[in-house]
N, C-alpha and C. Protein backbone atom coordinates (compact mmCIF):
# COMPACT_ATOMS: atom_id res chain seq x y z
N MET A 1 266.78 103.03 13.06
CA MET A 1 265.86 102.01 12.41
C MET A 1 264.79 101.91 13.34
N ASN A 2 263.08 101.66 12.76
CA ASN A 2 262.29 101.22 13.24
C ASN A 2 262.01 100.31 13.79
N THR A 3 261.86 99.76 15.30
CA THR A 3 261.59 98.02 15.75
C THR A 3 260.47 98.05 15.93
N HIS A 4 259.17 98.82 15.98
CA HIS A 4 258.01 98.81 16.33
C HIS A 4 257.43 98.32 15.41
N ARG A 5 256.23 97.92 15.76
CA ARG A 5 255.05 96.80 14.94
C ARG A 5 254.35 98.16 14.01
N GLU A 6 254.13 97.70 12.85
CA GLU A 6 253.54 98.64 12.19
C GLU A 6 251.84 98.28 11.89
N TYR A 7 251.06 98.99 12.25
CA TYR A 7 249.67 98.53 11.70
C TYR A 7 248.90 98.75 10.66
N THR A 8 248.36 97.95 10.29
CA THR A 8 247.25 98.30 8.53
C THR A 8 245.72 98.71 8.56
N TYR A 9 245.58 99.56 8.43
CA TYR A 9 244.29 99.92 8.97
C TYR A 9 243.39 98.53 8.38
N VAL A 10 242.21 98.16 9.75
CA VAL A 10 241.66 96.89 9.79
C VAL A 10 240.18 97.26 9.78
N GLY A 11 240.02 98.35 9.79
CA GLY A 11 238.41 98.89 9.79
C GLY A 11 237.54 99.02 8.92
N SER A 12 236.44 99.33 8.72
CA SER A 12 235.24 99.56 7.73
C SER A 12 235.84 99.98 6.69
N GLN A 13 235.56 99.07 5.81
CA GLN A 13 235.78 100.23 4.33
C GLN A 13 234.86 101.19 3.72
N LYS A 14 233.40 101.21 4.52
CA LYS A 14 233.01 102.38 4.29
C LYS A 14 233.76 103.44 5.24
N ILE A 15 234.38 103.45 6.36
CA ILE A 15 234.87 104.55 6.99
C ILE A 15 235.94 105.08 5.95
N SER A 16 237.01 104.08 5.56
CA SER A 16 237.75 104.28 4.79
C SER A 16 237.79 105.56 3.32
N GLN A 17 236.63 105.37 3.05
CA GLN A 17 236.08 106.28 1.84
C GLN A 17 236.09 107.36 2.44
N LEU A 18 236.35 108.07 3.74
CA LEU A 18 236.29 109.03 4.12
C LEU A 18 237.85 109.68 3.37
N LEU A 19 238.59 108.90 3.15
CA LEU A 19 240.03 109.15 2.84
C LEU A 19 239.78 110.29 1.57
N PHE A 20 238.80 110.00 0.83
CA PHE A 20 238.84 111.16 -0.45
C PHE A 20 238.37 112.15 0.25
N GLU A 21 238.14 112.65 1.86
CA GLU A 21 237.64 114.04 2.03
C GLU A 21 238.73 114.23 2.09
N THR A 22 238.61 116.07 2.62
CA THR A 22 240.20 116.93 2.98
C THR A 22 240.24 116.44 4.53
N SER A 23 241.33 116.26 4.71
CA SER A 23 241.16 116.19 6.42
C SER A 23 242.21 117.49 6.97
N ARG A 24 241.82 117.86 8.17
CA ARG A 24 242.35 118.71 8.88
C ARG A 24 243.37 118.27 9.84
N ARG A 25 244.33 117.44 9.84
CA ARG A 25 245.27 116.94 10.23
C ARG A 25 245.74 117.76 10.44
N CYS A 26 247.17 117.83 11.50
CA CYS A 26 248.31 118.74 11.94
C CYS A 26 249.28 117.57 12.60
N LEU A 27 250.66 117.76 11.57
CA LEU A 27 251.89 117.50 12.09
C LEU A 27 252.27 117.87 13.43
N ILE A 28 252.58 117.31 14.47
CA ILE A 28 253.20 118.43 15.67
C ILE A 28 254.75 117.97 15.43
N ALA A 29 255.36 119.26 15.63
CA ALA A 29 256.69 119.39 15.39
C ALA A 29 257.17 119.69 16.47
N HIS A 30 256.69 120.60 17.74
CA HIS A 30 256.67 120.86 18.96
C HIS A 30 255.75 121.26 19.61
N ALA A 31 255.83 121.67 20.67
CA ALA A 31 254.41 121.90 21.47
C ALA A 31 253.49 122.86 21.20
N ASP A 32 254.59 123.87 20.53
CA ASP A 32 253.76 124.92 20.16
C ASP A 32 252.81 124.90 18.52
N ASP A 33 252.96 123.54 18.29
CA ASP A 33 251.64 123.06 16.91
C ASP A 33 250.77 122.89 17.45
N ILE A 34 250.56 122.70 18.58
CA ILE A 34 249.37 121.93 19.54
C ILE A 34 248.46 123.11 19.79
N LEU A 35 248.91 124.18 20.06
CA LEU A 35 248.12 125.15 20.41
C LEU A 35 247.77 126.08 19.08
N GLN A 36 248.61 126.07 18.22
CA GLN A 36 248.28 126.92 16.80
C GLN A 36 247.08 125.58 16.45
N TRP A 37 247.08 124.89 16.25
CA TRP A 37 246.18 123.71 15.61
C TRP A 37 244.95 124.25 16.61
N VAL A 38 244.77 124.29 17.64
CA VAL A 38 243.59 124.83 18.36
C VAL A 38 242.59 126.01 18.32
N ARG A 39 244.18 126.99 18.16
CA ARG A 39 243.28 128.23 17.47
C ARG A 39 243.00 128.11 16.19
N GLN A 40 243.59 127.65 15.16
CA GLN A 40 243.40 127.55 13.72
C GLN A 40 241.75 126.57 13.42
N THR A 41 241.78 125.54 14.65
CA THR A 41 240.51 124.90 14.20
C THR A 41 239.56 125.25 14.66
N GLN A 42 239.76 125.98 15.87
CA GLN A 42 238.80 126.51 16.92
C GLN A 42 238.10 125.19 17.64
N GLN A 43 239.02 124.58 17.83
CA GLN A 43 238.60 123.44 19.17
C GLN A 43 237.54 123.98 20.16
N GLN A 44 237.30 123.11 20.66
CA GLN A 44 235.93 123.19 21.81
C GLN A 44 237.40 122.42 23.05
N ILE A 45 237.66 123.72 23.76
CA ILE A 45 238.23 123.51 25.09
C ILE A 45 237.44 123.32 26.38
N GLU A 46 237.92 122.15 26.82
CA GLU A 46 237.04 122.00 28.08
C GLU A 46 236.99 123.20 29.00
N GLY A 47 236.40 122.68 30.16
CA GLY A 47 236.59 123.78 31.00
C GLY A 47 237.75 123.63 32.22
N ASP A 48 238.84 122.03 32.13
CA ASP A 48 239.58 121.89 32.86
C ASP A 48 241.04 122.85 31.95
N HIS A 49 240.65 123.18 30.63
CA HIS A 49 241.44 123.83 29.91
C HIS A 49 242.76 122.54 29.11
N THR A 50 241.68 121.76 28.91
CA THR A 50 242.19 120.45 27.83
C THR A 50 241.59 120.58 26.77
N ILE A 51 241.97 119.82 25.89
CA ILE A 51 241.78 119.09 24.92
C ILE A 51 241.85 118.26 23.89
N THR A 52 241.14 117.10 23.80
CA THR A 52 240.96 115.86 23.34
C THR A 52 241.30 115.98 21.57
N ALA A 53 242.04 115.25 21.12
CA ALA A 53 242.46 114.98 19.74
C ALA A 53 242.50 113.32 19.28
N THR A 54 242.28 112.73 18.27
CA THR A 54 242.67 111.60 17.76
C THR A 54 244.19 111.90 17.00
N PHE A 55 244.92 110.98 17.57
CA PHE A 55 246.11 110.93 17.59
C PHE A 55 246.50 109.70 16.98
N ILE A 56 247.53 109.70 15.70
CA ILE A 56 248.56 108.49 15.27
C ILE A 56 250.29 108.77 15.25
N ILE A 57 250.87 107.96 15.43
CA ILE A 57 252.11 108.13 15.35
C ILE A 57 252.49 107.32 14.03
N ASN A 58 252.79 107.94 13.09
CA ASN A 58 253.16 107.11 12.08
C ASN A 58 254.69 106.53 11.64
N THR A 59 254.89 105.72 10.40
CA THR A 59 256.11 105.05 10.56
C THR A 59 257.25 105.63 10.72
N ASP A 60 257.53 106.96 10.37
CA ASP A 60 258.09 107.70 10.44
C ASP A 60 258.36 108.16 11.88
N GLN A 61 257.57 107.86 13.28
CA GLN A 61 257.95 108.04 14.30
C GLN A 61 257.19 109.51 14.53
N GLN A 62 256.00 110.23 13.62
CA GLN A 62 255.60 111.83 13.54
C GLN A 62 254.44 111.50 14.44
N LEU A 63 254.11 112.44 15.19
CA LEU A 63 253.14 112.55 16.15
C LEU A 63 252.05 113.51 15.11
N TRP A 64 251.08 112.71 14.42
CA TRP A 64 249.59 113.71 13.96
C TRP A 64 248.66 113.61 15.02
N ILE A 65 248.05 115.07 14.70
CA ILE A 65 246.70 114.61 15.48
C ILE A 65 245.49 115.37 14.37
N ALA A 66 244.28 115.13 14.95
CA ALA A 66 243.19 115.84 14.10
C ALA A 66 241.96 115.87 15.56
N ASP A 67 241.08 116.51 14.80
CA ASP A 67 239.70 116.95 15.46
C ASP A 67 239.50 115.36 16.58
N ARG A 68 238.54 114.98 17.29
CA ARG A 68 238.59 114.35 18.19
C ARG A 68 237.73 113.14 17.85
N ARG A 69 236.71 113.69 16.45
CA ARG A 69 235.65 113.05 16.07
C ARG A 69 235.75 112.63 14.70
N SER A 70 237.61 113.21 14.27
CA SER A 70 237.88 112.40 13.12
C SER A 70 238.09 110.77 13.31
N GLU A 71 238.22 110.15 12.44
CA GLU A 71 238.92 108.93 12.62
C GLU A 71 240.28 108.87 12.03
N HIS A 72 240.75 107.78 12.91
CA HIS A 72 242.32 107.26 12.72
C HIS A 72 242.80 107.14 11.11
N VAL A 73 241.72 106.35 10.57
CA VAL A 73 242.41 106.41 8.78
C VAL A 73 242.71 107.41 8.30
N VAL A 74 241.80 108.74 8.52
CA VAL A 74 241.90 109.70 7.83
C VAL A 74 243.38 110.63 8.52
N CYS A 75 243.45 110.48 9.61
CA CYS A 75 244.14 111.31 9.98
C CYS A 75 245.84 110.70 9.73
N ALA A 76 245.93 109.47 9.30
CA ALA A 76 246.87 108.73 9.16
C ALA A 76 246.97 108.74 7.45
N ILE A 77 246.24 109.33 6.78
CA ILE A 77 245.89 109.29 5.48
C ILE A 77 246.15 107.62 4.80
N GLY A 78 245.54 106.68 5.44
CA GLY A 78 245.31 105.73 5.11
C GLY A 78 246.58 104.77 5.22
N GLN A 79 247.51 105.76 5.65
CA GLN A 79 248.68 104.77 6.08
C GLN A 79 249.13 103.68 7.19
N LYS A 80 250.01 102.92 7.06
CA LYS A 80 250.03 102.51 8.20
C LYS A 80 250.78 103.15 9.33
N VAL A 81 250.14 102.72 10.68
CA VAL A 81 250.80 103.58 11.63
C VAL A 81 251.69 102.93 12.59
N LEU A 82 252.06 103.54 13.63
CA LEU A 82 252.80 102.61 14.75
C LEU A 82 251.79 102.63 15.94
N SER A 83 250.81 103.54 16.12
CA SER A 83 250.35 103.65 17.68
C SER A 83 249.18 104.73 16.78
N ALA A 84 247.83 104.54 17.51
CA ALA A 84 246.71 105.49 17.34
C ALA A 84 246.29 105.30 18.67
N GLY A 85 245.04 106.79 18.89
CA GLY A 85 244.34 106.38 20.12
C GLY A 85 243.65 107.98 20.43
N GLU A 86 243.44 108.18 21.49
CA GLU A 86 242.83 109.86 21.44
C GLU A 86 244.22 110.03 22.62
N ILE A 87 244.03 111.46 22.40
CA ILE A 87 245.16 112.07 23.08
C ILE A 87 244.63 113.00 23.87
N THR A 88 244.63 113.83 25.06
CA THR A 88 244.66 114.65 25.94
C THR A 88 245.10 115.52 26.31
N PHE A 89 245.39 116.69 25.88
CA PHE A 89 246.30 118.11 26.59
C PHE A 89 246.14 118.70 27.32
N ASP A 90 246.94 119.38 28.34
CA ASP A 90 246.24 120.18 29.75
C ASP A 90 247.40 121.31 28.57
N LEU A 91 246.19 122.30 28.34
CA LEU A 91 246.70 123.62 27.60
C LEU A 91 247.47 124.57 28.96
N VAL A 92 246.96 124.58 29.84
CA VAL A 92 247.53 125.78 30.28
C VAL A 92 248.78 125.26 31.49
N ALA A 93 249.36 123.95 31.02
CA ALA A 93 250.46 123.51 32.22
C ALA A 93 252.07 124.33 31.28
N SER A 94 252.96 124.20 32.29
CA SER A 94 254.14 124.75 31.50
C SER A 94 255.07 123.74 31.88
N PRO A 95 255.55 123.05 31.39
CA PRO A 95 254.98 122.83 29.41
C PRO A 95 253.81 122.50 29.33
N LEU A 96 252.99 122.38 28.17
CA LEU A 96 252.26 121.58 27.68
C LEU A 96 252.21 120.44 27.96
N SER A 97 251.22 119.57 28.48
CA SER A 97 251.77 118.59 29.03
C SER A 97 250.13 117.23 28.05
N VAL A 98 250.51 115.92 28.44
CA VAL A 98 249.87 115.00 27.89
C VAL A 98 249.29 114.51 29.16
N VAL A 99 247.47 114.39 30.05
CA VAL A 99 247.27 114.29 30.77
C VAL A 99 246.63 112.63 30.87
N GLU A 100 246.09 112.27 29.44
CA GLU A 100 245.40 111.53 29.17
C GLU A 100 245.83 110.66 27.68
N ILE A 101 245.89 110.07 27.80
CA ILE A 101 246.04 109.10 26.63
C ILE A 101 245.43 107.27 26.16
N THR A 102 244.94 107.67 25.57
CA THR A 102 244.68 105.47 24.93
C THR A 102 245.34 105.06 23.63
N ASN A 103 244.89 103.92 23.38
CA ASN A 103 245.24 103.19 22.18
C ASN A 103 243.95 102.75 21.48
N GLN A 104 243.08 103.77 22.10
CA GLN A 104 241.24 103.62 21.35
C GLN A 104 241.20 103.76 19.95
N SER A 105 241.31 102.70 19.12
CA SER A 105 241.09 102.82 17.42
C SER A 105 240.63 101.49 17.13
N THR A 106 239.35 101.45 16.64
CA THR A 106 239.14 100.04 16.31
C THR A 106 239.18 100.18 14.95
N GLY A 107 240.12 101.04 14.20
CA GLY A 107 240.60 100.75 13.02
C GLY A 107 241.41 100.61 12.33
N TYR A 108 242.37 100.43 13.35
CA TYR A 108 244.05 99.94 13.66
C TYR A 108 244.11 98.77 14.27
N CYS A 109 243.56 99.04 15.79
CA CYS A 109 243.48 98.09 16.92
C CYS A 109 245.16 97.64 17.31
N PRO A 110 245.56 98.87 18.00
CA PRO A 110 247.13 98.87 18.39
C PRO A 110 247.13 98.62 20.10
N GLU A 111 247.79 97.36 19.61
CA GLU A 111 248.32 96.99 21.12
C GLU A 111 248.37 97.63 22.28
N PRO A 112 248.66 97.83 23.54
CA PRO A 112 248.95 98.30 24.29
C PRO A 112 250.50 98.62 24.24
N GLU A 113 251.05 97.71 23.77
CA GLU A 113 252.39 97.71 23.62
C GLU A 113 252.98 98.76 22.51
N SER A 114 251.78 99.35 21.65
CA SER A 114 252.27 100.46 20.81
C SER A 114 252.85 101.47 21.14
N TRP A 115 252.24 101.49 23.28
CA TRP A 115 253.00 102.78 24.08
C TRP A 115 254.22 103.32 23.60
N CYS A 116 255.08 102.52 23.65
CA CYS A 116 256.65 102.44 23.47
C CYS A 116 256.64 103.70 22.41
N ALA A 117 256.54 103.35 21.11
CA ALA A 117 256.34 104.53 19.83
C ALA A 117 255.52 105.54 20.33
N VAL A 118 254.53 105.68 20.79
CA VAL A 118 254.51 106.72 21.41
C VAL A 118 255.18 107.71 22.59
N ALA A 119 255.62 106.74 23.58
CA ALA A 119 256.87 107.64 24.38
C ALA A 119 258.02 107.91 23.73
N ASP A 120 258.28 107.32 22.83
CA ASP A 120 259.89 107.56 22.05
C ASP A 120 259.18 108.55 21.41
N THR A 121 258.37 108.91 20.63
CA THR A 121 257.93 110.20 20.04
C THR A 121 257.60 111.20 20.62
N LEU A 122 257.01 111.54 21.82
CA LEU A 122 256.02 112.29 22.52
C LEU A 122 257.89 112.77 23.54
N ASP A 123 258.66 111.74 24.10
CA ASP A 123 260.01 112.19 24.42
C ASP A 123 260.78 113.13 23.33
N ARG A 124 261.40 112.67 22.23
CA ARG A 124 261.38 113.81 21.17
C ARG A 124 261.68 114.73 20.98
N LEU A 125 259.61 115.38 21.18
CA LEU A 125 259.14 116.82 21.59
C LEU A 125 259.74 117.05 22.51
N GLY A 126 259.63 116.63 23.64
CA GLY A 126 259.98 116.87 24.91
C GLY A 126 258.73 117.22 25.32
N ILE A 127 257.33 116.40 25.38
CA ILE A 127 255.97 116.51 25.86
C ILE A 127 256.27 115.93 26.86
N PRO A 128 255.75 116.51 28.05
CA PRO A 128 255.74 115.44 29.19
C PRO A 128 254.54 114.42 28.85
N HIS A 129 254.38 112.95 29.61
CA HIS A 129 253.24 112.34 29.30
C HIS A 129 253.18 111.29 30.61
N SER A 130 252.51 110.45 30.86
CA SER A 130 252.44 109.18 31.95
C SER A 130 253.35 108.08 31.19
N ASN A 131 253.16 107.45 32.00
CA ASN A 131 254.64 106.43 31.92
C ASN A 131 253.92 104.84 31.03
N GLY A 132 252.85 105.69 30.20
CA GLY A 132 252.06 104.42 29.83
C GLY A 132 250.62 105.07 29.28
N PHE A 133 249.84 104.19 28.50
CA PHE A 133 248.47 104.85 28.21
C PHE A 133 247.67 104.96 29.66
N THR A 134 247.43 105.81 29.86
CA THR A 134 246.37 105.56 30.95
C THR A 134 244.97 105.33 30.78
N THR A 135 244.66 104.95 29.60
CA THR A 135 243.87 103.74 29.46
C THR A 135 243.75 102.70 28.23
N GLU A 136 244.35 101.34 28.61
CA GLU A 136 244.76 100.61 27.61
C GLU A 136 243.70 99.43 27.21
N PHE A 137 243.17 99.14 25.77
CA PHE A 137 242.27 98.57 25.38
C PHE A 137 243.02 97.12 24.63
N LEU A 138 242.25 96.11 24.35
CA LEU A 138 242.64 95.23 24.04
C LEU A 138 241.79 94.68 22.56
N PHE A 139 242.50 94.51 21.57
CA PHE A 139 241.43 93.93 20.81
C PHE A 139 241.32 92.81 20.00
N ARG A 140 240.76 92.05 19.85
CA ARG A 140 240.77 90.74 19.06
C ARG A 140 239.38 90.85 18.05
N ARG A 141 240.03 90.37 16.91
CA ARG A 141 238.97 89.96 15.63
C ARG A 141 238.61 88.70 15.74
N CYS A 142 237.52 88.35 15.84
CA CYS A 142 236.49 86.85 15.92
C CYS A 142 236.97 86.25 14.55
N GLU A 143 237.65 85.17 14.70
CA GLU A 143 237.94 84.54 13.68
C GLU A 143 236.43 83.84 13.08
N VAL A 144 235.59 83.69 13.80
CA VAL A 144 234.25 82.93 13.14
C VAL A 144 233.76 84.10 11.83
N CYS A 145 233.15 85.82 13.31
CA CYS A 145 232.05 86.38 12.21
C CYS A 145 233.06 87.62 11.62
N GLY A 146 234.18 87.80 12.25
CA GLY A 146 235.09 88.36 11.81
C GLY A 146 235.20 89.95 12.14
N CYS A 147 234.07 89.86 12.99
CA CYS A 147 233.98 91.54 13.70
C CYS A 147 235.55 91.79 14.94
N THR A 148 235.29 93.19 15.45
CA THR A 148 236.54 93.49 16.15
C THR A 148 235.88 93.26 17.25
N ASN A 149 236.53 93.12 18.41
CA ASN A 149 235.98 92.81 19.81
C ASN A 149 237.09 93.56 20.69
N ILE A 150 236.35 94.38 21.44
CA ILE A 150 237.08 94.87 22.40
C ILE A 150 237.24 94.20 23.95
N ILE A 151 238.47 93.71 24.92
CA ILE A 151 238.29 93.01 25.31
C ILE A 151 237.90 93.25 26.50
N LYS A 152 237.01 92.84 27.59
CA LYS A 152 236.90 93.70 28.86
C LYS A 152 236.78 92.17 29.91
N ASP A 153 237.23 93.07 30.90
CA ASP A 153 237.13 91.81 31.96
C ASP A 153 237.57 90.64 31.64
N SER A 154 239.16 90.63 30.87
CA SER A 154 239.65 89.26 30.63
C SER A 154 238.53 88.10 29.88
N TRP A 155 237.25 88.92 29.16
CA TRP A 155 236.50 87.83 28.69
C TRP A 155 236.73 88.16 27.29
N PHE A 156 237.19 86.39 27.03
CA PHE A 156 237.90 86.26 25.37
C PHE A 156 236.59 85.79 24.17
N GLU A 157 235.50 86.41 24.50
CA GLU A 157 234.54 85.66 23.74
C GLU A 157 234.02 86.96 22.76
N CYS A 158 233.41 86.87 21.59
CA CYS A 158 232.59 87.58 20.81
C CYS A 158 231.69 88.10 21.38
N ALA A 159 231.33 89.23 21.18
CA ALA A 159 230.34 89.64 21.54
C ALA A 159 228.85 89.62 20.19
N VAL A 160 229.48 88.95 19.19
CA VAL A 160 228.26 89.34 18.15
C VAL A 160 227.79 87.43 18.12
N CYS A 161 228.71 86.54 17.81
CA CYS A 161 228.40 85.30 17.93
C CYS A 161 228.55 84.40 19.17
N GLY A 162 230.02 85.11 20.37
CA GLY A 162 229.77 83.86 20.94
C GLY A 162 230.73 83.05 21.19
N SER A 163 231.33 83.48 20.17
CA SER A 163 232.50 82.40 19.73
C SER A 163 234.13 82.42 20.85
N PRO A 164 234.95 81.84 20.51
CA PRO A 164 235.77 82.23 21.67
C PRO A 164 236.45 83.10 20.96
N LEU A 165 237.78 83.93 21.98
CA LEU A 165 238.52 85.27 20.87
C LEU A 165 239.75 84.36 21.27
N SER A 166 241.14 84.89 20.66
CA SER A 166 242.63 84.40 20.39
C SER A 166 243.01 85.24 21.92
N SER A 167 243.70 84.96 22.80
CA SER A 167 244.41 85.34 23.67
C SER A 167 245.48 86.23 22.71
N GLN A 168 246.04 86.24 21.84
CA GLN A 168 246.94 86.80 21.35
C GLN A 168 246.14 87.94 19.78
N TRP A 169 246.99 88.91 19.81
CA TRP A 169 246.52 89.90 18.71
C TRP A 169 246.74 89.08 17.56
N ASN A 170 245.31 88.99 16.71
CA ASN A 170 245.27 88.57 15.52
C ASN A 170 245.00 89.33 14.21
N TYR A 171 245.62 90.44 13.79
CA TYR A 171 245.10 91.23 13.31
C TYR A 171 245.91 91.08 12.10
N ASP A 172 247.25 90.33 12.16
CA ASP A 172 248.46 89.76 10.70
C ASP A 172 247.41 89.41 9.54
């Protein structure tokens, strides 16, 4: 039974129009799927033998990845997610492992607490990872102008209109 919060796409409607394009997303059922995706999509491997991808955890607790320049809403085919962000894999580690991971997705604005869904999924797949997001983001919607803000240095003020922002996640 899924006890994780589900996040609905809250980003730009213009970006959601990309759903009509073909997605090159990949379901990861085991670590070998990552290496196969890298080869099939001719991903650019970094000098330290890492690859960074867009990821989502869907409501079935499955890991899906796509090219880093992809939008999360496309990777999720417009559906709700349990988490979303960027994930970096060390391709030469044995076993392959996650070396960096964030919840950076302004389309879904997942809370840092969405880590639990990520950890559960990676554990089930047997992919080693950190004990949390290596970089966490806090998102708040301005209730005055509607803009999404990334909170920096605990500064809860809208970067667009200067209005105070909620101290609680407010995308419900």
